[in-house]
């Protein structure tokens, strides 16, 4: 992929406080924490364990995720982190996401691919008990507030679409590349025993006014991450592979 009108990367952060500078919970996916061989983040504080148990049960950390094998196209050959992923509507409010685990999630996002290595993603993180958490949850829609408030971590995602306050594109693939960074983050979360639920049920205008993204940056979505609570879903409906290949094209 190429980029159009991108004036090169810079260290302009997504969010600023009224008094200037970065808010405490601003992150542009900067590296944190120790690294394992081959450049992959890891530490005993967030153990990564993936093994196939009996009756299609996969174990990640201290949680159990049932591999969804109701479909006629069984996902048994794909990685269990992908096969067992689901978006919970209940989170355990007692399960915290500590600084180290937060650092690993951001590190995973940091290593996502992007057009021209533009890396047009940024994040604002908040956890229960932090002042930033109330700044975020007050803008949740009623439908998401019922479950997202209990998550151990809320992440506001942003994309750098334009260069500063101009109409010049920083990257025409900014939203696409942000999606890749989020996918990396959510797979890392699964590997650490955390579930994630991405959503857009919030007051975008109000949250934008609250967090005041820097010129050129736009808030796109939010992610709730934490320990899933309640019953696991019995099914996950997906279109067939044949439909993926045929639906977009006139033949």
C-alpha atoms as a PDB file:
ATOM      1  CA  UNK A   1       0.000   0.000   0.000  1.00  0.00           C
ATOM      2  CA  UNK A   2       1.082   3.512  -0.667  1.00  0.00           C
ATOM      3  CA  UNK A   3       0.077   6.728   1.002  1.00  0.00           C
ATOM      4  CA  UNK A   4      -1.168   9.939  -0.509  1.00  0.00           C
ATOM      5  CA  UNK A   5      -0.373  13.365   0.795  1.00  0.00           C
ATOM      6  CA  UNK A   6       1.384  12.058   3.918  1.00  0.00           C
ATOM      7  CA  UNK A   7       3.980  14.511   5.149  1.00  0.00           C
ATOM      8  CA  UNK A   8       5.988  11.978   7.100  1.00  0.00           C
ATOM      9  CA  UNK A   9       5.641  10.632  10.625  1.00  0.00           C
ATOM     10  CA  UNK A  10       5.891  12.869  13.642  1.00  0.00           C
ATOM     11  CA  UNK A  11       5.439  12.596  17.370  1.00  0.00           C
ATOM     12  CA  UNK A  12       2.172  14.549  17.481  1.00  0.00           C
ATOM     13  CA  UNK A  13       0.061  12.751  20.124  1.00  0.00           C
ATOM     14  CA  UNK A  14      -3.676  12.137  19.675  1.00  0.00           C
ATOM     15  CA  UNK A  15      -4.828  14.008  22.799  1.00  0.00           C
ATOM     16  CA  UNK A  16      -3.903  17.151  24.726  1.00  0.00           C
ATOM     17  CA  UNK A  17      -5.051  18.507  28.062  1.00  0.00           C
ATOM     18  CA  UNK A  18      -6.478  21.988  28.399  1.00  0.00           C
ATOM     19  CA  UNK A  19      -3.254  23.089  30.073  1.00  0.00           C
ATOM     20  CA  UNK A  20      -1.080  21.558  27.364  1.00  0.00           C
ATOM     21  CA  UNK A  21       0.953  18.356  27.252  1.00  0.00           C
ATOM     22  CA  UNK A  22      -0.140  14.735  27.291  1.00  0.00           C
ATOM     23  CA  UNK A  23      -2.837  13.452  29.608  1.00  0.00           C
ATOM     24  CA  UNK A  24      -1.593  10.824  32.012  1.00  0.00           C
ATOM     25  CA  UNK A  25      -3.428   8.034  30.264  1.00  0.00           C
ATOM     26  CA  UNK A  26      -2.387   9.032  26.736  1.00  0.00           C
ATOM     27  CA  UNK A  27      -0.649   6.281  24.783  1.00  0.00           C
ATOM     28  CA  UNK A  28       0.650   6.167  21.250  1.00  0.00           C
ATOM     29  CA  UNK A  29       1.529   2.514  21.648  1.00  0.00           C
ATOM     30  CA  UNK A  30       4.963   3.247  23.064  1.00  0.00           C
ATOM     31  CA  UNK A  31       7.077   0.236  24.127  1.00  0.00           C
ATOM     32  CA  UNK A  32       6.743  -0.810  27.721  1.00  0.00           C
ATOM     33  CA  UNK A  33       7.918  -3.771  29.763  1.00  0.00           C
ATOM     34  CA  UNK A  34      10.482  -6.488  29.090  1.00  0.00           C
ATOM     35  CA  UNK A  35      10.804  -8.376  25.830  1.00  0.00           C
ATOM     36  CA  UNK A  36      11.326 -12.017  25.052  1.00  0.00           C
ATOM     37  CA  UNK A  37      13.573 -13.523  22.427  1.00  0.00           C
ATOM     38  CA  UNK A  38      12.598 -12.669  18.834  1.00  0.00           C
ATOM     39  CA  UNK A  39      11.261  -9.308  19.973  1.00  0.00           C
ATOM     40  CA  UNK A  40       7.950 -10.516  21.409  1.00  0.00           C
ATOM     41  CA  UNK A  41       6.688  -9.006  24.671  1.00  0.00           C
ATOM     42  CA  UNK A  42       6.199 -11.321  27.590  1.00  0.00           C
ATOM     43  CA  UNK A  43       6.596 -11.756  31.308  1.00  0.00           C
ATOM     44  CA  UNK A  44       5.521 -14.145  34.028  1.00  0.00           C
ATOM     45  CA  UNK A  45       3.148 -11.473  35.361  1.00  0.00           C
ATOM     46  CA  UNK A  46       0.914 -12.069  32.346  1.00  0.00           C
ATOM     47  CA  UNK A  47       1.392 -15.775  31.612  1.00  0.00           C
ATOM     48  CA  UNK A  48       0.638 -16.917  28.101  1.00  0.00           C
ATOM     49  CA  UNK A  49      -0.735 -20.425  27.946  1.00  0.00           C
ATOM     50  CA  UNK A  50      -2.592 -22.005  25.074  1.00  0.00           C
ATOM     51  CA  UNK A  51      -3.353 -25.683  25.054  1.00  0.00           C
ATOM     52  CA  UNK A  52      -6.104 -27.892  23.719  1.00  0.00           C
ATOM     53  CA  UNK A  53      -8.062 -29.620  26.424  1.00  0.00           C
ATOM     54  CA  UNK A  54     -10.746 -32.307  26.248  1.00  0.00           C
ATOM     55  CA  UNK A  55     -14.059 -31.776  24.455  1.00  0.00           C
ATOM     56  CA  UNK A  56     -12.902 -28.772  22.496  1.00  0.00           C
ATOM     57  CA  UNK A  57     -11.937 -26.689  25.520  1.00  0.00           C
ATOM     58  CA  UNK A  58      -9.036 -24.247  25.183  1.00  0.00           C
ATOM     59  CA  UNK A  59      -7.219 -22.831  28.184  1.00  0.00           C
ATOM     60  CA  UNK A  60      -5.792 -19.309  28.246  1.00  0.00           C
ATOM     61  CA  UNK A  61      -4.316 -18.224  31.555  1.00  0.00           C
ATOM     62  CA  UNK A  62      -6.921 -19.063  34.198  1.00  0.00           C
ATOM     63  CA  UNK A  63      -9.940 -18.844  31.892  1.00  0.00           C
ATOM     64  CA  UNK A  64     -11.718 -21.384  29.763  1.00  0.00           C
ATOM     65  CA  UNK A  65     -12.972 -20.629  26.292  1.00  0.00           C
ATOM     66  CA  UNK A  66     -15.078 -23.109  24.395  1.00  0.00           C
ATOM     67  CA  UNK A  67     -14.032 -23.535  20.785  1.00  0.00           C
ATOM     68  CA  UNK A  68     -17.018 -22.646  18.650  1.00  0.00           C
ATOM     69  CA  UNK A  69     -17.527 -25.712  16.495  1.00  0.00           C
ATOM     70  CA  UNK A  70     -21.253 -25.437  15.726  1.00  0.00           C
ATOM     71  CA  UNK A  71     -20.585 -24.297  12.171  1.00  0.00           C
ATOM     72  CA  UNK A  72     -20.431 -26.773   9.323  1.00  0.00           C
ATOM     73  CA  UNK A  73     -17.050 -25.237   8.516  1.00  0.00           C
ATOM     74  CA  UNK A  74     -15.250 -26.233  11.676  1.00  0.00           C
ATOM     75  CA  UNK A  75     -12.593 -23.745  12.835  1.00  0.00           C
ATOM     76  CA  UNK A  76     -10.511 -26.531  14.341  1.00  0.00           C
ATOM     77  CA  UNK A  77      -7.572 -25.815  12.078  1.00  0.00           C
ATOM     78  CA  UNK A  78      -7.295 -22.111  12.906  1.00  0.00           C
ATOM     79  CA  UNK A  79      -5.473 -20.927  15.995  1.00  0.00           C
ATOM     80  CA  UNK A  80      -7.517 -21.502  19.166  1.00  0.00           C
ATOM     81  CA  UNK A  81      -7.015 -17.854  20.172  1.00  0.00           C
ATOM     82  CA  UNK A  82      -9.095 -16.956  17.121  1.00  0.00           C
ATOM     83  CA  UNK A  83     -11.534 -19.854  17.347  1.00  0.00           C
ATOM     84  CA  UNK A  84     -12.337 -19.133  20.989  1.00  0.00           C
ATOM     85  CA  UNK A  85     -12.618 -15.352  20.780  1.00  0.00           C
ATOM     86  CA  UNK A  86     -15.963 -13.744  21.622  1.00  0.00           C
ATOM     87  CA  UNK A  87     -17.253 -10.323  22.691  1.00  0.00           C
ATOM     88  CA  UNK A  88     -18.671 -10.579  26.219  1.00  0.00           C
ATOM     89  CA  UNK A  89     -21.588  -8.537  27.497  1.00  0.00           C
ATOM     90  CA  UNK A  90     -20.499  -9.037  31.105  1.00  0.00           C
ATOM     91  CA  UNK A  91     -17.151  -8.341  32.753  1.00  0.00           C
ATOM     92  CA  UNK A  92     -15.895  -9.243  36.222  1.00  0.00           C
ATOM     93  CA  UNK A  93     -15.602  -5.865  38.021  1.00  0.00           C
ATOM     94  CA  UNK A  94     -13.096  -7.334  40.515  1.00  0.00           C
ATOM     95  CA  UNK A  95     -10.576  -8.298  37.815  1.00  0.00           C
ATOM     96  CA  UNK A  96      -8.039  -5.501  37.320  1.00  0.00           C
ATOM     97  CA  UNK A  97      -5.748  -4.926  34.342  1.00  0.00           C
ATOM     98  CA  UNK A  98      -2.414  -3.917  35.838  1.00  0.00           C
ATOM     99  CA  UNK A  99       0.234  -1.635  34.355  1.00  0.00           C
ATOM    100  CA  UNK A 100       2.300  -4.475  32.983  1.00  0.00           C
ATOM    101  CA  UNK A 101      -0.610  -6.103  31.164  1.00  0.00           C
ATOM    102  CA  UNK A 102      -1.626  -2.712  29.800  1.00  0.00           C
ATOM    103  CA  UNK A 103       1.902  -2.275  28.499  1.00  0.00           C
ATOM    104  CA  UNK A 104       1.778  -5.621  26.703  1.00  0.00           C
ATOM    105  CA  UNK A 105      -1.508  -4.733  25.012  1.00  0.00           C
ATOM    106  CA  UNK A 106      -0.046  -1.465  23.730  1.00  0.00           C
ATOM    107  CA  UNK A 107       3.149  -3.214  22.664  1.00  0.00           C
ATOM    108  CA  UNK A 108       1.103  -5.649  20.581  1.00  0.00           C
ATOM    109  CA  UNK A 109      -0.673  -2.755  18.873  1.00  0.00           C
ATOM    110  CA  UNK A 110       2.638  -1.010  18.279  1.00  0.00           C
ATOM    111  CA  UNK A 111       3.895  -3.865  16.084  1.00  0.00           C
ATOM    112  CA  UNK A 112       0.944  -3.845  13.676  1.00  0.00           C
ATOM    113  CA  UNK A 113       1.674  -3.220   9.979  1.00  0.00           C
ATOM    114  CA  UNK A 114       0.697   0.083   8.379  1.00  0.00           C
ATOM    115  CA  UNK A 115       0.889   1.781   4.999  1.00  0.00           C
ATOM    116  CA  UNK A 116       4.333   3.284   4.562  1.00  0.00           C
ATOM    117  CA  UNK A 117       4.986   2.524   8.242  1.00  0.00           C
ATOM    118  CA  UNK A 118       2.842   5.572   9.031  1.00  0.00           C
ATOM    119  CA  UNK A 119       1.545   4.034  12.299  1.00  0.00           C
ATOM    120  CA  UNK A 120      -1.521   6.329  12.381  1.00  0.00           C
ATOM    121  CA  UNK A 121      -3.015   4.977  15.603  1.00  0.00           C
ATOM    122  CA  UNK A 122      -3.291   6.339  19.115  1.00  0.00           C
ATOM    123  CA  UNK A 123      -5.086   5.388  22.316  1.00  0.00           C
ATOM    124  CA  UNK A 124      -6.509   6.899  25.478  1.00  0.00           C
ATOM    125  CA  UNK A 125      -6.728   4.345  28.288  1.00  0.00           C
ATOM    126  CA  UNK A 126      -8.685   4.430  31.514  1.00  0.00           C
ATOM    127  CA  UNK A 127      -9.309   1.975  34.342  1.00  0.00           C
ATOM    128  CA  UNK A 128     -11.816   1.940  37.217  1.00  0.00           C
ATOM    129  CA  UNK A 129     -10.608   4.145  40.042  1.00  0.00           C
ATOM    130  CA  UNK A 130      -8.633   6.465  37.781  1.00  0.00           C
ATOM    131  CA  UNK A 131      -9.830  10.050  37.156  1.00  0.00           C
ATOM    132  CA  UNK A 132      -9.739   9.396  33.410  1.00  0.00           C
ATOM    133  CA  UNK A 133     -12.256   6.567  33.776  1.00  0.00           C
ATOM    134  CA  UNK A 134     -15.080   8.898  34.742  1.00  0.00           C
ATOM    135  CA  UNK A 135     -14.167  11.199  31.844  1.00  0.00           C
ATOM    136  CA  UNK A 136     -14.837   8.283  29.497  1.00  0.00           C
ATOM    137  CA  UNK A 137     -17.760   6.412  31.077  1.00  0.00           C
ATOM    138  CA  UNK A 138     -19.929   9.536  31.332  1.00  0.00           C
ATOM    139  CA  UNK A 139     -20.138   9.496  27.542  1.00  0.00           C
ATOM    140  CA  UNK A 140     -21.167   5.845  27.177  1.00  0.00           C
ATOM    141  CA  UNK A 141     -24.566   5.128  25.705  1.00  0.00           C
ATOM    142  CA  UNK A 142     -27.005   3.316  28.030  1.00  0.00           C
ATOM    143  CA  UNK A 143     -26.644   0.156  25.946  1.00  0.00           C
ATOM    144  CA  UNK A 144     -22.866  -0.047  26.486  1.00  0.00           C
ATOM    145  CA  UNK A 145     -22.757   1.453  29.989  1.00  0.00           C
ATOM    146  CA  UNK A 146     -24.568  -1.655  31.299  1.00  0.00           C
ATOM    147  CA  UNK A 147     -21.478  -3.811  30.713  1.00  0.00           C
ATOM    148  CA  UNK A 148     -18.492  -1.679  29.663  1.00  0.00           C
ATOM    149  CA  UNK A 149     -18.306   0.131  33.001  1.00  0.00           C
ATOM    150  CA  UNK A 150     -17.283  -3.123  34.721  1.00  0.00           C
ATOM    151  CA  UNK A 151     -14.396  -3.852  32.337  1.00  0.00           C
ATOM    152  CA  UNK A 152     -10.908  -3.615  33.802  1.00  0.00           C
ATOM    153  CA  UNK A 153      -9.784  -1.347  30.977  1.00  0.00           C
ATOM    154  CA  UNK A 154     -11.446   1.018  28.506  1.00  0.00           C
ATOM    155  CA  UNK A 155      -9.470   2.060  25.437  1.00  0.00           C
ATOM    156  CA  UNK A 156     -10.498   4.971  23.243  1.00  0.00           C
ATOM    157  CA  UNK A 157      -9.031   4.466  19.776  1.00  0.00           C
ATOM    158  CA  UNK A 158      -8.023   7.248  17.423  1.00  0.00           C
ATOM    159  CA  UNK A 159      -6.629   7.568  13.908  1.00  0.00           C
ATOM    160  CA  UNK A 160      -4.440  10.286  12.466  1.00  0.00           C
ATOM    161  CA  UNK A 161      -6.207  11.107   9.217  1.00  0.00           C
ATOM    162  CA  UNK A 162      -4.796  14.535   8.424  1.00  0.00           C
ATOM    163  CA  UNK A 163      -1.596  16.504   8.945  1.00  0.00           C
ATOM    164  CA  UNK A 164      -2.161  18.802  11.913  1.00  0.00           C
ATOM    165  CA  UNK A 165      -5.079  21.178  11.176  1.00  0.00           C
ATOM    166  CA  UNK A 166      -4.880  20.936   7.385  1.00  0.00           C
ATOM    167  CA  UNK A 167      -6.851  18.938   4.849  1.00  0.00           C
ATOM    168  CA  UNK A 168      -3.654  17.195   3.734  1.00  0.00           C
ATOM    169  CA  UNK A 169      -3.987  13.463   4.283  1.00  0.00           C
ATOM    170  CA  UNK A 170      -1.546  11.987   6.741  1.00  0.00           C
ATOM    171  CA  UNK A 171      -2.585   8.561   5.499  1.00  0.00           C
ATOM    172  CA  UNK A 172      -5.582   7.588   3.424  1.00  0.00           C
ATOM    173  CA  UNK A 173      -5.413   4.173   5.116  1.00  0.00           C
ATOM    174  CA  UNK A 174      -5.448   5.520   8.685  1.00  0.00           C
ATOM    175  CA  UNK A 175      -8.711   3.850   9.748  1.00  0.00           C
ATOM    176  CA  UNK A 176      -7.726   0.583   8.068  1.00  0.00           C
ATOM    177  CA  UNK A 177      -4.356   0.550   9.810  1.00  0.00           C
ATOM    178  CA  UNK A 178      -5.921   1.409  13.171  1.00  0.00           C
ATOM    179  CA  UNK A 179      -8.102  -1.678  12.728  1.00  0.00           C
ATOM    180  CA  UNK A 180      -4.998  -3.816  12.319  1.00  0.00           C
ATOM    181  CA  UNK A 181      -3.463  -2.388  15.495  1.00  0.00           C
ATOM    182  CA  UNK A 182      -6.682  -3.115  17.388  1.00  0.00           C
ATOM    183  CA  UNK A 183      -6.743  -6.676  16.047  1.00  0.00           C
ATOM    184  CA  UNK A 184      -3.201  -7.183  17.329  1.00  0.00           C
ATOM    185  CA  UNK A 185      -4.223  -5.808  20.716  1.00  0.00           C
ATOM    186  CA  UNK A 186      -7.273  -8.057  21.034  1.00  0.00           C
ATOM    187  CA  UNK A 187      -5.392 -11.229  20.074  1.00  0.00           C
ATOM    188  CA  UNK A 188      -2.733 -10.349  22.664  1.00  0.00           C
ATOM    189  CA  UNK A 189      -5.543  -9.881  25.176  1.00  0.00           C
ATOM    190  CA  UNK A 190      -6.876 -13.363  24.412  1.00  0.00           C
ATOM    191  CA  UNK A 191      -3.390 -14.812  24.918  1.00  0.00           C
ATOM    192  CA  UNK A 192      -3.297 -13.199  28.379  1.00  0.00           C
ATOM    193  CA  UNK A 193      -6.716 -14.487  29.414  1.00  0.00           C
ATOM    194  CA  UNK A 194      -8.517 -11.197  28.777  1.00  0.00           C
ATOM    195  CA  UNK A 195     -11.642 -10.788  26.694  1.00  0.00           C
ATOM    196  CA  UNK A 196     -12.417  -7.736  24.596  1.00  0.00           C
ATOM    197  CA  UNK A 197     -15.528  -6.085  23.225  1.00  0.00           C
ATOM    198  CA  UNK A 198     -15.199  -3.358  20.580  1.00  0.00           C
ATOM    199  CA  UNK A 199     -18.034  -0.867  20.278  1.00  0.00           C
ATOM    200  CA  UNK A 200     -19.198   2.525  19.053  1.00  0.00           C
ATOM    201  CA  UNK A 201     -22.112   3.020  21.463  1.00  0.00           C
ATOM    202  CA  UNK A 202     -20.980   6.328  22.962  1.00  0.00           C
ATOM    203  CA  UNK A 203     -21.474  10.052  22.422  1.00  0.00           C
ATOM    204  CA  UNK A 204     -18.760  10.756  19.857  1.00  0.00           C
ATOM    205  CA  UNK A 205     -19.245  14.515  19.931  1.00  0.00           C
ATOM    206  CA  UNK A 206     -19.214  14.639  23.723  1.00  0.00           C
ATOM    207  CA  UNK A 207     -16.172  12.390  24.063  1.00  0.00           C
ATOM    208  CA  UNK A 208     -14.308  14.389  21.431  1.00  0.00           C
ATOM    209  CA  UNK A 209     -15.019  17.586  23.362  1.00  0.00           C
ATOM    210  CA  UNK A 210     -13.935  15.872  26.583  1.00  0.00           C
ATOM    211  CA  UNK A 211     -10.622  14.460  25.351  1.00  0.00           C
ATOM    212  CA  UNK A 212      -9.881  17.169  22.754  1.00  0.00           C
ATOM    213  CA  UNK A 213      -7.876  15.203  20.160  1.00  0.00           C
ATOM    214  CA  UNK A 214      -5.080  17.157  18.541  1.00  0.00           C
ATOM    215  CA  UNK A 215      -5.688  18.532  15.031  1.00  0.00           C
ATOM    216  CA  UNK A 216      -5.597  15.768  12.440  1.00  0.00           C
ATOM    217  CA  UNK A 217      -6.672  13.051  14.907  1.00  0.00           C
ATOM    218  CA  UNK A 218     -10.173  11.546  15.116  1.00  0.00           C
ATOM    219  CA  UNK A 219     -11.747   9.275  17.732  1.00  0.00           C
ATOM    220  CA  UNK A 220     -13.002   6.114  16.028  1.00  0.00           C
ATOM    221  CA  UNK A 221     -14.184   3.520  18.567  1.00  0.00           C
ATOM    222  CA  UNK A 222     -13.745   2.079  22.036  1.00  0.00           C
ATOM    223  CA  UNK A 223     -12.631  -1.289  23.395  1.00  0.00           C
ATOM    224  CA  UNK A 224     -13.608  -2.805  26.737  1.00  0.00           C
ATOM    225  CA  UNK A 225     -11.090  -5.347  28.020  1.00  0.00           C
ATOM    226  CA  UNK A 226     -11.134  -7.504  31.120  1.00  0.00           C
ATOM    227  CA  UNK A 227     -12.119 -10.867  32.501  1.00  0.00           C
ATOM    228  CA  UNK A 228     -15.359 -12.132  30.981  1.00  0.00           C
ATOM    229  CA  UNK A 229     -18.144 -13.045  33.405  1.00  0.00           C
ATOM    230  CA  UNK A 230     -21.276 -15.091  32.994  1.00  0.00           C
ATOM    231  CA  UNK A 231     -22.063 -17.867  30.569  1.00  0.00           C
ATOM    232  CA  UNK A 232     -19.984 -18.377  27.456  1.00  0.00           C
ATOM    233  CA  UNK A 233     -21.874 -17.964  24.187  1.00  0.00           C
ATOM    234  CA  UNK A 234     -23.075 -21.196  22.657  1.00  0.00           C
ATOM    235  CA  UNK A 235     -22.857 -20.071  19.047  1.00  0.00           C
ATOM    236  CA  UNK A 236     -21.135 -17.537  16.837  1.00  0.00           C
ATOM    237  CA  UNK A 237     -22.698 -17.049  13.430  1.00  0.00           C
ATOM    238  CA  UNK A 238     -20.341 -16.388  10.546  1.00  0.00           C
ATOM    239  CA  UNK A 239     -20.788 -16.216   6.791  1.00  0.00           C
ATOM    240  CA  UNK A 240     -19.344 -19.103   4.842  1.00  0.00           C
ATOM    241  CA  UNK A 241     -15.972 -18.955   3.125  1.00  0.00           C
ATOM    242  CA  UNK A 242     -17.778 -19.434  -0.193  1.00  0.00           C
ATOM    243  CA  UNK A 243     -19.835 -16.302   0.469  1.00  0.00           C
ATOM    244  CA  UNK A 244     -16.705 -14.319   1.324  1.00  0.00           C
ATOM    245  CA  UNK A 245     -15.336 -15.163  -2.090  1.00  0.00           C
ATOM    246  CA  UNK A 246     -18.506 -14.656  -4.118  1.00  0.00           C
ATOM    247  CA  UNK A 247     -20.564 -11.900  -2.482  1.00  0.00           C
ATOM    248  CA  UNK A 248     -18.465  -8.876  -3.534  1.00  0.00           C
ATOM    249  CA  UNK A 249     -18.163  -9.795  -7.205  1.00  0.00           C
ATOM    250  CA  UNK A 250     -20.495  -9.944 -10.191  1.00  0.00           C
ATOM    251  CA  UNK A 251     -19.797 -13.138 -12.128  1.00  0.00           C
END
